[in-house]
Amino acid sequence: MNTRLVMLASAIFMALLGGISSFMPQEVLLYLGSEATGLGPLLVQLLGALYLGFAILNWMAKGILIGGIYARPVALGNLMHFLVGALALLKAAQAGGQVLWPLAVVYGLFALLFGMISFRHPLPATLPAGKA
């Protein structure tokens, strides 16, 4: 599997979410049907900071060998984020949050990809010479 492409796509995805959440928290809350008062905007900005942190982590790790035991913390951190996020988004979308379905699908796809990366060896299996 081409982990470079997965890391690049997830970095761009999270950078977009992080930038929007950091610089437009009131608009995000209003779009999701919440009031932009109290601690809501601050929590959305903190969420944006987390997205930006993950984005830079994935951007910086896109060129390294990832999978199996290689860069396991990076792979498992992403798997946990996208898997738990996908489950939470699916639950919220089923409860009537129609705007969350596309986000839930993207999260589910990244959860699947990072699951494959986390539990598969990154290099193809090779047979010893003469054993083919």
C-alpha atoms as a PDB file:
ATOM      1  CA  MET A   1       0.000   0.000   0.000  1.00  0.00           C
ATOM      2  CA  ASN A   2       1.213   3.482  -0.821  1.00  0.00           C
ATOM      3  CA  THR A   3       1.300   5.028   2.641  1.00  0.00           C
ATOM      4  CA  ARG A   4       2.717   8.263   1.248  1.00  0.00           C
ATOM      5  CA  LEU A   5      -0.559   8.963  -0.556  1.00  0.00           C
ATOM      6  CA  VAL A   6      -2.663   8.140   2.533  1.00  0.00           C
ATOM      7  CA  MET A   7      -0.515  10.348   4.764  1.00  0.00           C
ATOM      8  CA  LEU A   8      -0.625  13.192   2.242  1.00  0.00           C
ATOM      9  CA  ALA A   9      -4.416  12.976   1.800  1.00  0.00           C
ATOM     10  CA  SER A  10      -5.058  12.811   5.544  1.00  0.00           C
ATOM     11  CA  ALA A  11      -2.684  15.735   6.168  1.00  0.00           C
ATOM     12  CA  ILE A  12      -4.487  17.905   3.617  1.00  0.00           C
ATOM     13  CA  PHE A  13      -7.919  16.851   4.927  1.00  0.00           C
ATOM     14  CA  MET A  14      -7.022  17.656   8.532  1.00  0.00           C
ATOM     15  CA  ALA A  15      -5.257  20.905   7.588  1.00  0.00           C
ATOM     16  CA  LEU A  16      -8.453  22.091   5.882  1.00  0.00           C
ATOM     17  CA  LEU A  17     -10.593  21.149   8.879  1.00  0.00           C
ATOM     18  CA  GLY A  18      -8.037  22.682  11.245  1.00  0.00           C
ATOM     19  CA  GLY A  19      -7.790  25.949   9.370  1.00  0.00           C
ATOM     20  CA  ILE A  20     -11.546  26.334   9.126  1.00  0.00           C
ATOM     21  CA  SER A  21     -12.070  25.419  12.791  1.00  0.00           C
ATOM     22  CA  SER A  22      -9.287  27.695  14.011  1.00  0.00           C
ATOM     23  CA  PHE A  23     -10.218  30.803  12.066  1.00  0.00           C
ATOM     24  CA  MET A  24     -14.016  30.475  11.704  1.00  0.00           C
ATOM     25  CA  PRO A  25     -15.303  28.777  14.881  1.00  0.00           C
ATOM     26  CA  GLN A  26     -18.551  30.779  15.042  1.00  0.00           C
ATOM     27  CA  GLU A  27     -19.388  29.909  11.441  1.00  0.00           C
ATOM     28  CA  VAL A  28     -18.678  26.216  12.077  1.00  0.00           C
ATOM     29  CA  LEU A  29     -21.013  26.189  15.070  1.00  0.00           C
ATOM     30  CA  LEU A  30     -23.767  27.996  13.177  1.00  0.00           C
ATOM     31  CA  TYR A  31     -23.414  25.617  10.212  1.00  0.00           C
ATOM     32  CA  LEU A  32     -23.805  22.661  12.567  1.00  0.00           C
ATOM     33  CA  GLY A  33     -26.913  24.198  14.124  1.00  0.00           C
ATOM     34  CA  SER A  34     -25.410  25.324  17.434  1.00  0.00           C
ATOM     35  CA  GLU A  35     -25.204  28.740  18.998  1.00  0.00           C
ATOM     36  CA  ALA A  36     -21.830  30.448  18.789  1.00  0.00           C
ATOM     37  CA  THR A  37     -21.807  31.573  22.423  1.00  0.00           C
ATOM     38  CA  GLY A  38     -20.051  30.623  25.622  1.00  0.00           C
ATOM     39  CA  LEU A  39     -17.223  28.114  25.406  1.00  0.00           C
ATOM     40  CA  GLY A  40     -18.370  26.715  22.048  1.00  0.00           C
ATOM     41  CA  PRO A  41     -16.106  28.848  19.834  1.00  0.00           C
ATOM     42  CA  LEU A  42     -13.111  28.202  22.092  1.00  0.00           C
ATOM     43  CA  LEU A  43     -13.671  24.436  21.970  1.00  0.00           C
ATOM     44  CA  VAL A  44     -13.952  24.537  18.170  1.00  0.00           C
ATOM     45  CA  GLN A  45     -10.675  26.497  18.015  1.00  0.00           C
ATOM     46  CA  LEU A  46      -9.005  23.903  20.252  1.00  0.00           C
ATOM     47  CA  LEU A  47     -10.351  21.189  17.945  1.00  0.00           C
ATOM     48  CA  GLY A  48      -8.812  23.121  15.063  1.00  0.00           C
ATOM     49  CA  ALA A  49      -5.467  23.146  16.856  1.00  0.00           C
ATOM     50  CA  LEU A  50      -5.668  19.363  17.245  1.00  0.00           C
ATOM     51  CA  TYR A  51      -6.456  18.957  13.549  1.00  0.00           C
ATOM     52  CA  LEU A  52      -3.518  21.171  12.613  1.00  0.00           C
ATOM     53  CA  GLY A  53      -1.236  19.180  14.922  1.00  0.00           C
ATOM     54  CA  PHE A  54      -2.260  15.889  13.311  1.00  0.00           C
ATOM     55  CA  ALA A  55      -1.954  17.472   9.862  1.00  0.00           C
ATOM     56  CA  ILE A  56       1.655  18.533  10.441  1.00  0.00           C
ATOM     57  CA  LEU A  57       2.465  15.132  11.978  1.00  0.00           C
ATOM     58  CA  ASN A  58       1.132  13.323   8.910  1.00  0.00           C
ATOM     59  CA  TRP A  59       2.770  15.791   6.524  1.00  0.00           C
ATOM     60  CA  MET A  60       6.164  15.319   8.172  1.00  0.00           C
ATOM     61  CA  ALA A  61       5.756  11.508   8.316  1.00  0.00           C
ATOM     62  CA  LYS A  62       4.634  11.055   4.713  1.00  0.00           C
ATOM     63  CA  GLY A  63       8.106  10.085   3.550  1.00  0.00           C
ATOM     64  CA  ILE A  64       8.933   7.464   6.179  1.00  0.00           C
ATOM     65  CA  LEU A  65       8.228   3.735   6.195  1.00  0.00           C
ATOM     66  CA  ILE A  66       4.909   3.186   7.997  1.00  0.00           C
ATOM     67  CA  GLY A  67       3.181  -0.082   8.802  1.00  0.00           C
ATOM     68  CA  GLY A  68       3.638  -3.122  11.003  1.00  0.00           C
ATOM     69  CA  ILE A  69       6.207  -2.117  13.608  1.00  0.00           C
ATOM     70  CA  TYR A  70       7.494   0.845  11.590  1.00  0.00           C
ATOM     71  CA  ALA A  71       6.235   4.230  12.838  1.00  0.00           C
ATOM     72  CA  ARG A  72       3.592   2.371  14.835  1.00  0.00           C
ATOM     73  CA  PRO A  73       2.677   5.362  17.069  1.00  0.00           C
ATOM     74  CA  VAL A  74       1.881   7.463  13.995  1.00  0.00           C
ATOM     75  CA  ALA A  75      -0.257   4.730  12.436  1.00  0.00           C
ATOM     76  CA  LEU A  76      -2.094   3.853  15.662  1.00  0.00           C
ATOM     77  CA  GLY A  77      -2.697   7.495  16.592  1.00  0.00           C
ATOM     78  CA  ASN A  78      -4.303   8.089  13.218  1.00  0.00           C
ATOM     79  CA  LEU A  79      -6.273   4.841  13.436  1.00  0.00           C
ATOM     80  CA  MET A  80      -7.650   5.769  16.861  1.00  0.00           C
ATOM     81  CA  HIS A  81      -8.551   9.290  15.752  1.00  0.00           C
ATOM     82  CA  PHE A  82     -10.334   8.238  12.576  1.00  0.00           C
ATOM     83  CA  LEU A  83     -12.023   5.123  14.017  1.00  0.00           C
ATOM     84  CA  VAL A  84     -13.449   6.803  17.118  1.00  0.00           C
ATOM     85  CA  GLY A  85     -14.286   9.885  15.053  1.00  0.00           C
ATOM     86  CA  ALA A  86     -16.113   7.791  12.436  1.00  0.00           C
ATOM     87  CA  LEU A  87     -18.179   6.034  15.104  1.00  0.00           C
ATOM     88  CA  ALA A  88     -19.115   9.327  16.775  1.00  0.00           C
ATOM     89  CA  LEU A  89     -19.996  10.934  13.437  1.00  0.00           C
ATOM     90  CA  LEU A  90     -22.104   7.939  12.378  1.00  0.00           C
ATOM     91  CA  LYS A  91     -24.027   8.090  15.641  1.00  0.00           C
ATOM     92  CA  ALA A  92     -24.637  11.834  15.268  1.00  0.00           C
ATOM     93  CA  ALA A  93     -25.573  11.507  11.589  1.00  0.00           C
ATOM     94  CA  GLN A  94     -28.116   8.774  12.368  1.00  0.00           C
ATOM     95  CA  ALA A  95     -29.659  11.018  15.006  1.00  0.00           C
ATOM     96  CA  GLY A  96     -30.484  13.589  12.347  1.00  0.00           C
ATOM     97  CA  GLY A  97     -27.240  15.373  11.590  1.00  0.00           C
ATOM     98  CA  GLN A  98     -27.516  15.061   7.807  1.00  0.00           C
ATOM     99  CA  VAL A  99     -24.595  17.419   7.186  1.00  0.00           C
ATOM    100  CA  LEU A 100     -22.335  14.945   9.017  1.00  0.00           C
ATOM    101  CA  TRP A 101     -22.767  11.992   6.612  1.00  0.00           C
ATOM    102  CA  PRO A 102     -20.020  13.035   4.156  1.00  0.00           C
ATOM    103  CA  LEU A 103     -17.612  13.648   7.030  1.00  0.00           C
ATOM    104  CA  ALA A 104     -18.509  10.256   8.542  1.00  0.00           C
ATOM    105  CA  VAL A 105     -17.777   8.529   5.225  1.00  0.00           C
ATOM    106  CA  VAL A 106     -14.374  10.214   4.881  1.00  0.00           C
ATOM    107  CA  TYR A 107     -13.524   9.352   8.486  1.00  0.00           C
ATOM    108  CA  GLY A 108     -14.585   5.739   7.910  1.00  0.00           C
ATOM    109  CA  LEU A 109     -12.404   5.495   4.808  1.00  0.00           C
ATOM    110  CA  PHE A 110      -9.363   6.855   6.643  1.00  0.00           C
ATOM    111  CA  ALA A 111     -10.081   4.499   9.579  1.00  0.00           C
ATOM    112  CA  LEU A 112     -10.066   1.548   7.185  1.00  0.00           C
ATOM    113  CA  LEU A 113      -6.847   2.688   5.509  1.00  0.00           C
ATOM    114  CA  PHE A 114      -5.021   3.342   8.780  1.00  0.00           C
ATOM    115  CA  GLY A 115      -6.263  -0.013  10.102  1.00  0.00           C
ATOM    116  CA  MET A 116      -4.670  -1.715   7.114  1.00  0.00           C
ATOM    117  CA  ILE A 117      -1.482   0.301   7.552  1.00  0.00           C
ATOM    118  CA  SER A 118      -1.287  -0.445  11.287  1.00  0.00           C
ATOM    119  CA  PHE A 119      -1.614  -4.207  11.054  1.00  0.00           C
ATOM    120  CA  ARG A 120       0.135  -5.073   7.798  1.00  0.00           C
ATOM    121  CA  HIS A 121       3.840  -5.160   7.133  1.00  0.00           C
ATOM    122  CA  PRO A 122       4.765  -2.310   4.785  1.00  0.00           C
ATOM    123  CA  LEU A 123       7.051  -4.365   2.577  1.00  0.00           C
ATOM    124  CA  PRO A 124       5.936  -7.180   0.285  1.00  0.00           C
ATOM    125  CA  ALA A 125       6.860 -10.666   1.423  1.00  0.00           C
ATOM    126  CA  THR A 126       9.867 -12.021  -0.436  1.00  0.00           C
ATOM    127  CA  LEU A 127      10.701 -15.638  -1.009  1.00  0.00           C
ATOM    128  CA  PRO A 128      14.256 -16.906  -0.582  1.00  0.00           C
ATOM    129  CA  ALA A 129      16.147 -17.393  -3.836  1.00  0.00           C
ATOM    130  CA  GLY A 130      15.219 -20.626  -5.596  1.00  0.00           C
ATOM    131  CA  LYS A 131      11.948 -21.124  -3.652  1.00  0.00           C
ATOM    132  CA  ALA A 132       9.593 -19.624  -6.263  1.00  0.00           C
END
